[in-house]
Amino acid sequence: MTQLSKLWELQLLEKYQKGIAAKQSGDQRVQQLRQLKKEIELGQDTLKKLKVNHQKAKEQNLELSQRNQVLQAKSEQISAKIYDGSLHLKEIEGSQQMVRRLQQDIQQLEDLELEKMQLKEDIKQEWQKEKAALDVLTAKYRELHGQYVKEKEEIKEQAAATARKMEELIVSLDKDLYQQYQQLKTKYPDPVGRVTRSACSGCHLGISIEKIKELKYERDVINCSHCGRLLFWDPIILE
């Protein structure tokens, strides 16, 4: 491999390396993963709130049930006195009124219990719905994250292999030629111009017959007369 062919390969590897870096920074899956994570966090917060509301409804239902039991026991005690002959007529009438009020209160408590039971069921169904949606999001996140990590590792390996190959080429290059290449890089991203169809691949302007002959016989390092790029003779692709 000639010095210019090594420089040409180095230039291709540098371009490939930039492509890898751009791919890493421009991966749309990063944004997708961030959006999915936000949606998952919102879903988790919703489940927590539903769980709190369900527990609150459960506690309220229990409290209503206990109050109902107290009123039921009180109503039964008063009813028992009404029929055991221990009360006078006026006391019986008062006790009957009290029992009726207690029964009204008991009915109200039972209605409230039914409402709380329905609320608990509604919350449970909503929780199950939200949980199913969250499971879908979580599975999607894990799949996408797994793909991202796998490809990131592959790209990392490609970048490392490219860097090693570039280093090997740089070590094998003539120092003065490499220095000239580096100087031209301050002006062009592609300091080496491959000769195709008798033209420089950098500026696309024609190369004289004399320069092509010099390139063909590799007599010296040749620069493009128009742009100054280092010219690389590649007879395989030359047309």
C-alpha atoms as a PDB file:
ATOM      1  CA  MET A   1       0.000   0.000   0.000  1.00  0.00           C
ATOM      2  CA  THR A   2       1.460   3.345  -1.097  1.00  0.00           C
ATOM      3  CA  GLN A   3       1.669   6.378   1.149  1.00  0.00           C
ATOM      4  CA  LEU A   4      -1.139   8.141  -0.745  1.00  0.00           C
ATOM      5  CA  SER A   5      -3.387   5.088  -0.639  1.00  0.00           C
ATOM      6  CA  LYS A   6      -2.830   4.991   3.137  1.00  0.00           C
ATOM      7  CA  LEU A   7      -3.763   8.654   3.377  1.00  0.00           C
ATOM      8  CA  TRP A   8      -6.850   7.995   1.293  1.00  0.00           C
ATOM      9  CA  GLU A   9      -7.853   5.133   3.576  1.00  0.00           C
ATOM     10  CA  LEU A  10      -7.181   7.330   6.605  1.00  0.00           C
ATOM     11  CA  GLN A  11      -9.465   9.989   5.155  1.00  0.00           C
ATOM     12  CA  LEU A  12     -12.213   7.421   4.613  1.00  0.00           C
ATOM     13  CA  LEU A  13     -11.827   6.155   8.171  1.00  0.00           C
ATOM     14  CA  GLU A  14     -12.005   9.690   9.557  1.00  0.00           C
ATOM     15  CA  LYS A  15     -15.223  10.257   7.629  1.00  0.00           C
ATOM     16  CA  TYR A  16     -16.590   6.949   8.914  1.00  0.00           C
ATOM     17  CA  GLN A  17     -15.621   7.898  12.462  1.00  0.00           C
ATOM     18  CA  LYS A  18     -17.528  11.181  12.178  1.00  0.00           C
ATOM     19  CA  GLY A  19     -20.512   9.251  10.888  1.00  0.00           C
ATOM     20  CA  ILE A  20     -20.396   7.006  13.954  1.00  0.00           C
ATOM     21  CA  ALA A  21     -20.260  10.032  16.267  1.00  0.00           C
ATOM     22  CA  ALA A  22     -23.181  11.651  14.447  1.00  0.00           C
ATOM     23  CA  LYS A  23     -25.176   8.429  14.707  1.00  0.00           C
ATOM     24  CA  GLN A  24     -24.578   8.272  18.450  1.00  0.00           C
ATOM     25  CA  SER A  25     -25.587  11.887  19.082  1.00  0.00           C
ATOM     26  CA  GLY A  26     -28.506  11.874  16.645  1.00  0.00           C
ATOM     27  CA  ASP A  27     -30.183   8.635  17.696  1.00  0.00           C
ATOM     28  CA  GLN A  28     -33.922   9.396  17.856  1.00  0.00           C
ATOM     29  CA  ARG A  29     -34.444   6.512  20.260  1.00  0.00           C
ATOM     30  CA  VAL A  30     -32.897   8.609  23.027  1.00  0.00           C
ATOM     31  CA  GLN A  31     -35.820  11.036  22.726  1.00  0.00           C
ATOM     32  CA  GLN A  32     -38.261   8.128  22.460  1.00  0.00           C
ATOM     33  CA  LEU A  33     -36.834   6.553  25.609  1.00  0.00           C
ATOM     34  CA  ARG A  34     -37.060   9.857  27.479  1.00  0.00           C
ATOM     35  CA  GLN A  35     -40.679  10.312  26.417  1.00  0.00           C
ATOM     36  CA  LEU A  36     -41.540   6.736  27.383  1.00  0.00           C
ATOM     37  CA  LYS A  37     -39.864   7.214  30.765  1.00  0.00           C
ATOM     38  CA  LYS A  38     -41.970  10.334  31.400  1.00  0.00           C
ATOM     39  CA  GLU A  39     -45.143   8.457  30.456  1.00  0.00           C
ATOM     40  CA  ILE A  40     -44.163   5.547  32.711  1.00  0.00           C
ATOM     41  CA  GLU A  41     -43.510   7.908  35.630  1.00  0.00           C
ATOM     42  CA  LEU A  42     -46.891   9.574  35.075  1.00  0.00           C
ATOM     43  CA  GLY A  43     -48.525   6.136  34.980  1.00  0.00           C
ATOM     44  CA  GLN A  44     -46.799   5.145  38.212  1.00  0.00           C
ATOM     45  CA  ASP A  45     -47.977   8.356  39.892  1.00  0.00           C
ATOM     46  CA  THR A  46     -51.538   7.655  38.712  1.00  0.00           C
ATOM     47  CA  LEU A  47     -51.424   4.140  40.191  1.00  0.00           C
ATOM     48  CA  LYS A  48     -50.134   5.497  43.493  1.00  0.00           C
ATOM     49  CA  LYS A  49     -52.975   8.037  43.663  1.00  0.00           C
ATOM     50  CA  LEU A  50     -55.541   5.380  42.801  1.00  0.00           C
ATOM     51  CA  LYS A  51     -54.127   3.117  45.481  1.00  0.00           C
ATOM     52  CA  VAL A  52     -54.385   5.919  48.053  1.00  0.00           C
ATOM     53  CA  ASN A  53     -57.979   6.677  46.982  1.00  0.00           C
ATOM     54  CA  HIS A  54     -58.902   2.986  47.155  1.00  0.00           C
ATOM     55  CA  GLN A  55     -57.470   2.682  50.661  1.00  0.00           C
ATOM     56  CA  LYS A  56     -59.295   5.845  51.715  1.00  0.00           C
ATOM     57  CA  ALA A  57     -62.606   4.523  50.355  1.00  0.00           C
ATOM     58  CA  LYS A  58     -61.958   1.195  52.099  1.00  0.00           C
ATOM     59  CA  GLU A  59     -61.361   2.932  55.442  1.00  0.00           C
ATOM     60  CA  GLN A  60     -64.473   5.087  55.013  1.00  0.00           C
ATOM     61  CA  ASN A  61     -66.517   1.995  54.187  1.00  0.00           C
ATOM     62  CA  LEU A  62     -65.242   0.268  57.311  1.00  0.00           C
ATOM     63  CA  GLU A  63     -66.071   3.307  59.430  1.00  0.00           C
ATOM     64  CA  LEU A  64     -69.610   3.440  58.021  1.00  0.00           C
ATOM     65  CA  SER A  65     -70.041  -0.272  58.670  1.00  0.00           C
ATOM     66  CA  GLN A  66     -68.960   0.144  62.302  1.00  0.00           C
ATOM     67  CA  ARG A  67     -71.283   3.086  62.807  1.00  0.00           C
ATOM     68  CA  ASN A  68     -74.101   1.094  61.265  1.00  0.00           C
ATOM     69  CA  GLN A  69     -73.447  -1.797  63.646  1.00  0.00           C
ATOM     70  CA  VAL A  70     -73.576   0.598  66.614  1.00  0.00           C
ATOM     71  CA  LEU A  71     -76.901   2.061  65.455  1.00  0.00           C
ATOM     72  CA  GLN A  72     -78.299  -1.414  64.739  1.00  0.00           C
ATOM     73  CA  ALA A  73     -77.378  -2.574  68.240  1.00  0.00           C
ATOM     74  CA  LYS A  74     -78.912   0.562  69.781  1.00  0.00           C
ATOM     75  CA  SER A  75     -82.110   0.115  67.752  1.00  0.00           C
ATOM     76  CA  GLU A  76     -82.376  -3.508  68.826  1.00  0.00           C
ATOM     77  CA  GLN A  77     -81.911  -2.571  72.508  1.00  0.00           C
ATOM     78  CA  ILE A  78     -84.628   0.063  72.365  1.00  0.00           C
ATOM     79  CA  SER A  79     -86.944  -2.261  70.440  1.00  0.00           C
ATOM     80  CA  ALA A  80     -86.433  -4.942  73.065  1.00  0.00           C
ATOM     81  CA  LYS A  81     -87.475  -2.545  75.871  1.00  0.00           C
ATOM     82  CA  ILE A  82     -90.599  -1.546  73.955  1.00  0.00           C
ATOM     83  CA  TYR A  83     -91.854  -5.148  73.987  1.00  0.00           C
ATOM     84  CA  ASP A  84     -90.602  -6.373  77.381  1.00  0.00           C
ATOM     85  CA  GLY A  85     -93.254  -4.423  79.350  1.00  0.00           C
ATOM     86  CA  SER A  86     -90.777  -2.316  81.298  1.00  0.00           C
ATOM     87  CA  LEU A  87     -91.772   1.033  79.731  1.00  0.00           C
ATOM     88  CA  HIS A  88     -94.790   3.284  80.279  1.00  0.00           C
ATOM     89  CA  LEU A  89     -96.992   4.329  77.373  1.00  0.00           C
ATOM     90  CA  LYS A  90     -95.307   7.709  76.875  1.00  0.00           C
ATOM     91  CA  GLU A  91     -91.885   6.077  77.107  1.00  0.00           C
ATOM     92  CA  ILE A  92     -92.946   3.542  74.499  1.00  0.00           C
ATOM     93  CA  GLU A  93     -94.044   6.289  72.100  1.00  0.00           C
ATOM     94  CA  GLY A  94     -90.743   8.127  72.594  1.00  0.00           C
ATOM     95  CA  SER A  95     -88.798   4.923  72.131  1.00  0.00           C
ATOM     96  CA  GLN A  96     -90.680   4.140  68.918  1.00  0.00           C
ATOM     97  CA  GLN A  97     -89.869   7.578  67.527  1.00  0.00           C
ATOM     98  CA  MET A  98     -86.232   7.037  68.453  1.00  0.00           C
ATOM     99  CA  VAL A  99     -86.216   3.644  66.692  1.00  0.00           C
ATOM    100  CA  ARG A 100     -87.675   5.241  63.549  1.00  0.00           C
ATOM    101  CA  ARG A 101     -84.956   7.915  63.576  1.00  0.00           C
ATOM    102  CA  LEU A 102     -82.329   5.254  64.115  1.00  0.00           C
ATOM    103  CA  GLN A 103     -83.695   3.230  61.188  1.00  0.00           C
ATOM    104  CA  GLN A 104     -83.525   6.336  58.984  1.00  0.00           C
ATOM    105  CA  ASP A 105     -79.932   6.900  60.043  1.00  0.00           C
ATOM    106  CA  ILE A 106     -79.157   3.229  59.416  1.00  0.00           C
ATOM    107  CA  GLN A 107     -80.682   3.454  55.929  1.00  0.00           C
ATOM    108  CA  GLN A 108     -78.577   6.533  55.153  1.00  0.00           C
ATOM    109  CA  LEU A 109     -75.446   4.783  56.372  1.00  0.00           C
ATOM    110  CA  GLU A 110     -76.254   1.726  54.266  1.00  0.00           C
ATOM    111  CA  ASP A 111     -76.719   3.945  51.203  1.00  0.00           C
ATOM    112  CA  LEU A 112     -73.360   5.559  51.887  1.00  0.00           C
ATOM    113  CA  GLU A 113     -71.787   2.116  52.311  1.00  0.00           C
ATOM    114  CA  LEU A 114     -73.101   1.078  48.906  1.00  0.00           C
ATOM    115  CA  GLU A 115     -71.702   4.275  47.353  1.00  0.00           C
ATOM    116  CA  LYS A 116     -68.288   3.632  48.898  1.00  0.00           C
ATOM    117  CA  MET A 117     -68.361   0.006  47.746  1.00  0.00           C
ATOM    118  CA  GLN A 118     -69.152   1.146  44.194  1.00  0.00           C
ATOM    119  CA  LEU A 119     -66.396   3.761  44.440  1.00  0.00           C
ATOM    120  CA  LYS A 120     -63.938   1.066  45.497  1.00  0.00           C
ATOM    121  CA  GLU A 121     -64.954  -1.082  42.522  1.00  0.00           C
ATOM    122  CA  ASP A 122     -64.653   1.852  40.112  1.00  0.00           C
ATOM    123  CA  ILE A 123     -61.194   2.689  41.449  1.00  0.00           C
ATOM    124  CA  LYS A 124     -60.167  -0.957  41.184  1.00  0.00           C
ATOM    125  CA  GLN A 125     -61.244  -1.143  37.548  1.00  0.00           C
ATOM    126  CA  GLU A 126     -59.481   2.120  36.722  1.00  0.00           C
ATOM    127  CA  TRP A 127     -56.338   0.844  38.473  1.00  0.00           C
ATOM    128  CA  GLN A 128     -56.411  -2.347  36.419  1.00  0.00           C
ATOM    129  CA  LYS A 129     -56.830  -0.333  33.218  1.00  0.00           C
ATOM    130  CA  GLU A 130     -53.958   2.013  34.086  1.00  0.00           C
ATOM    131  CA  LYS A 131     -51.789  -0.937  35.178  1.00  0.00           C
ATOM    132  CA  ALA A 132     -52.336  -2.696  31.832  1.00  0.00           C
ATOM    133  CA  ALA A 133     -51.385   0.488  29.943  1.00  0.00           C
ATOM    134  CA  LEU A 134     -48.320   0.922  32.155  1.00  0.00           C
ATOM    135  CA  ASP A 135     -47.236  -2.681  31.502  1.00  0.00           C
ATOM    136  CA  VAL A 136     -47.400  -2.027  27.756  1.00  0.00           C
ATOM    137  CA  LEU A 137     -45.296   1.137  28.099  1.00  0.00           C
ATOM    138  CA  THR A 138     -42.787  -0.631  30.345  1.00  0.00           C
ATOM    139  CA  ALA A 139     -42.414  -3.545  27.919  1.00  0.00           C
ATOM    140  CA  LYS A 140     -41.952  -1.122  25.025  1.00  0.00           C
ATOM    141  CA  TYR A 141     -39.346   0.832  26.998  1.00  0.00           C
ATOM    142  CA  ARG A 142     -37.391  -2.300  27.909  1.00  0.00           C
ATOM    143  CA  GLU A 143     -37.394  -3.550  24.317  1.00  0.00           C
ATOM    144  CA  LEU A 144     -36.300  -0.191  22.896  1.00  0.00           C
ATOM    145  CA  HIS A 145     -33.703   0.294  25.643  1.00  0.00           C
ATOM    146  CA  GLY A 146     -32.300  -3.183  25.022  1.00  0.00           C
ATOM    147  CA  GLN A 147     -31.941  -2.447  21.303  1.00  0.00           C
ATOM    148  CA  TYR A 148     -30.352   0.914  22.057  1.00  0.00           C
ATOM    149  CA  VAL A 149     -27.808  -0.525  24.494  1.00  0.00           C
ATOM    150  CA  LYS A 150     -26.926  -3.372  22.130  1.00  0.00           C
ATOM    151  CA  GLU A 151     -26.374  -1.091  19.152  1.00  0.00           C
ATOM    152  CA  LYS A 152     -24.520   1.418  21.301  1.00  0.00           C
ATOM    153  CA  GLU A 153     -22.076  -1.294  22.308  1.00  0.00           C
ATOM    154  CA  GLU A 154     -21.697  -2.356  18.680  1.00  0.00           C
ATOM    155  CA  ILE A 155     -21.035   1.252  17.627  1.00  0.00           C
ATOM    156  CA  LYS A 156     -18.559   1.597  20.487  1.00  0.00           C
ATOM    157  CA  GLU A 157     -16.682  -1.469  19.241  1.00  0.00           C
ATOM    158  CA  GLN A 158     -16.741  -0.130  15.666  1.00  0.00           C
ATOM    159  CA  ALA A 159     -15.395   3.223  16.843  1.00  0.00           C
ATOM    160  CA  ALA A 160     -12.600   1.526  18.807  1.00  0.00           C
ATOM    161  CA  ALA A 161     -11.656  -0.677  15.846  1.00  0.00           C
ATOM    162  CA  THR A 162     -11.668   2.366  13.539  1.00  0.00           C
ATOM    163  CA  ALA A 163      -9.492   4.329  15.948  1.00  0.00           C
ATOM    164  CA  ARG A 164      -6.977   1.456  16.127  1.00  0.00           C
ATOM    165  CA  LYS A 165      -6.833   1.183  12.338  1.00  0.00           C
ATOM    166  CA  MET A 166      -6.343   4.938  12.016  1.00  0.00           C
ATOM    167  CA  GLU A 167      -3.523   4.862  14.528  1.00  0.00           C
ATOM    168  CA  GLU A 168      -1.816   2.039  12.620  1.00  0.00           C
ATOM    169  CA  LEU A 169      -2.032   4.026   9.394  1.00  0.00           C
ATOM    170  CA  ILE A 170      -0.727   7.227  11.000  1.00  0.00           C
ATOM    171  CA  VAL A 171       2.281   5.385  12.463  1.00  0.00           C
ATOM    172  CA  SER A 172       3.129   3.939   9.048  1.00  0.00           C
ATOM    173  CA  LEU A 173       2.886   7.295   7.217  1.00  0.00           C
ATOM    174  CA  ASP A 174       5.765   9.527   6.254  1.00  0.00           C
ATOM    175  CA  LYS A 175       5.846  12.296   8.880  1.00  0.00           C
ATOM    176  CA  ASP A 176       6.246  15.143   6.395  1.00  0.00           C
ATOM    177  CA  LEU A 177       3.412  13.815   4.242  1.00  0.00           C
ATOM    178  CA  TYR A 178       1.158  13.401   7.249  1.00  0.00           C
ATOM    179  CA  GLN A 179       1.993  16.930   8.381  1.00  0.00           C
ATOM    180  CA  GLN A 180       1.026  18.237   4.934  1.00  0.00           C
ATOM    181  CA  TYR A 181      -2.216  16.241   5.193  1.00  0.00           C
ATOM    182  CA  GLN A 182      -2.955  17.797   8.567  1.00  0.00           C
ATOM    183  CA  GLN A 183      -2.290  21.308   7.262  1.00  0.00           C
ATOM    184  CA  LEU A 184      -4.661  20.749   4.355  1.00  0.00           C
ATOM    185  CA  LYS A 185      -7.299  19.499   6.789  1.00  0.00           C
ATOM    186  CA  THR A 186      -7.519  23.016   8.214  1.00  0.00           C
ATOM    187  CA  LYS A 187      -8.790  24.027   4.783  1.00  0.00           C
ATOM    188  CA  TYR A 188     -10.637  20.917   3.592  1.00  0.00           C
ATOM    189  CA  PRO A 189     -12.377  18.068   5.411  1.00  0.00           C
ATOM    190  CA  ASP A 190     -11.038  15.822   2.611  1.00  0.00           C
ATOM    191  CA  PRO A 191      -7.379  16.793   1.967  1.00  0.00           C
ATOM    192  CA  VAL A 192      -6.857  13.873  -0.435  1.00  0.00           C
ATOM    193  CA  GLY A 193      -8.439  14.056  -3.859  1.00  0.00           C
ATOM    194  CA  ARG A 194      -8.883  10.789  -5.720  1.00  0.00           C
ATOM    195  CA  VAL A 195      -8.365  11.092  -9.469  1.00  0.00           C
ATOM    196  CA  THR A 196     -11.539   9.994 -11.241  1.00  0.00           C
ATOM    197  CA  ARG A 197     -12.268  10.640 -14.921  1.00  0.00           C
ATOM    198  CA  SER A 198      -9.073  12.712 -15.073  1.00  0.00           C
ATOM    199  CA  ALA A 199     -10.440  15.065 -12.415  1.00  0.00           C
ATOM    200  CA  CYS A 200      -9.843  15.723  -8.729  1.00  0.00           C
ATOM    201  CA  SER A 201     -12.635  14.238  -6.590  1.00  0.00           C
ATOM    202  CA  GLY A 202     -12.325  17.218  -4.254  1.00  0.00           C
ATOM    203  CA  CYS A 203     -12.800  20.172  -6.593  1.00  0.00           C
ATOM    204  CA  HIS A 204     -13.981  18.151  -9.626  1.00  0.00           C
ATOM    205  CA  LEU A 205     -11.647  20.074 -11.940  1.00  0.00           C
ATOM    206  CA  GLY A 206      -9.523  18.426 -14.594  1.00  0.00           C
ATOM    207  CA  ILE A 207      -6.014  17.093 -14.027  1.00  0.00           C
ATOM    208  CA  SER A 208      -3.419  17.637 -16.733  1.00  0.00           C
ATOM    209  CA  ILE A 209      -1.984  14.694 -18.663  1.00  0.00           C
ATOM    210  CA  GLU A 210       1.478  15.469 -17.260  1.00  0.00           C
ATOM    211  CA  LYS A 211       0.250  15.204 -13.650  1.00  0.00           C
ATOM    212  CA  ILE A 212      -1.630  11.996 -14.416  1.00  0.00           C
ATOM    213  CA  LYS A 213       1.576  10.492 -15.824  1.00  0.00           C
ATOM    214  CA  GLU A 214       3.471  11.510 -12.698  1.00  0.00           C
ATOM    215  CA  LEU A 215       0.737  10.004 -10.539  1.00  0.00           C
ATOM    216  CA  LYS A 216       0.709   6.829 -12.584  1.00  0.00           C
ATOM    217  CA  TYR A 217       4.421   6.245 -12.072  1.00  0.00           C
ATOM    218  CA  GLU A 218       4.363   7.554  -8.457  1.00  0.00           C
ATOM    219  CA  ARG A 219       7.398   9.731  -9.035  1.00  0.00           C
ATOM    220  CA  ASP A 220       6.453  12.233  -6.328  1.00  0.00           C
ATOM    221  CA  VAL A 221       3.644  13.607  -4.174  1.00  0.00           C
ATOM    222  CA  ILE A 222       1.367  15.570  -6.493  1.00  0.00           C
ATOM    223  CA  ASN A 223      -1.011  18.340  -5.488  1.00  0.00           C
ATOM    224  CA  CYS A 224      -4.061  19.434  -7.454  1.00  0.00           C
ATOM    225  CA  SER A 225      -3.250  22.555  -9.464  1.00  0.00           C
ATOM    226  CA  HIS A 226      -6.674  24.004  -8.639  1.00  0.00           C
ATOM    227  CA  CYS A 227      -7.403  23.241  -4.978  1.00  0.00           C
ATOM    228  CA  GLY A 228      -4.039  22.041  -3.667  1.00  0.00           C
ATOM    229  CA  ARG A 229      -5.331  18.691  -2.423  1.00  0.00           C
ATOM    230  CA  LEU A 230      -2.993  15.706  -2.375  1.00  0.00           C
ATOM    231  CA  LEU A 231      -3.849  13.611  -5.408  1.00  0.00           C
ATOM    232  CA  PHE A 232      -4.363   9.880  -5.093  1.00  0.00           C
ATOM    233  CA  TRP A 233      -4.065   7.702  -8.208  1.00  0.00           C
ATOM    234  CA  ASP A 234      -6.456   4.775  -8.076  1.00  0.00           C
ATOM    235  CA  PRO A 235      -6.293   2.803 -11.321  1.00  0.00           C
ATOM    236  CA  ILE A 236      -9.052   0.454 -10.146  1.00  0.00           C
ATOM    237  CA  ILE A 237     -11.737   3.147 -10.319  1.00  0.00           C
ATOM    238  CA  LEU A 238     -10.154   5.412 -12.917  1.00  0.00           C
ATOM    239  CA  GLU A 239     -12.339   5.820 -16.001  1.00  0.00           C
END
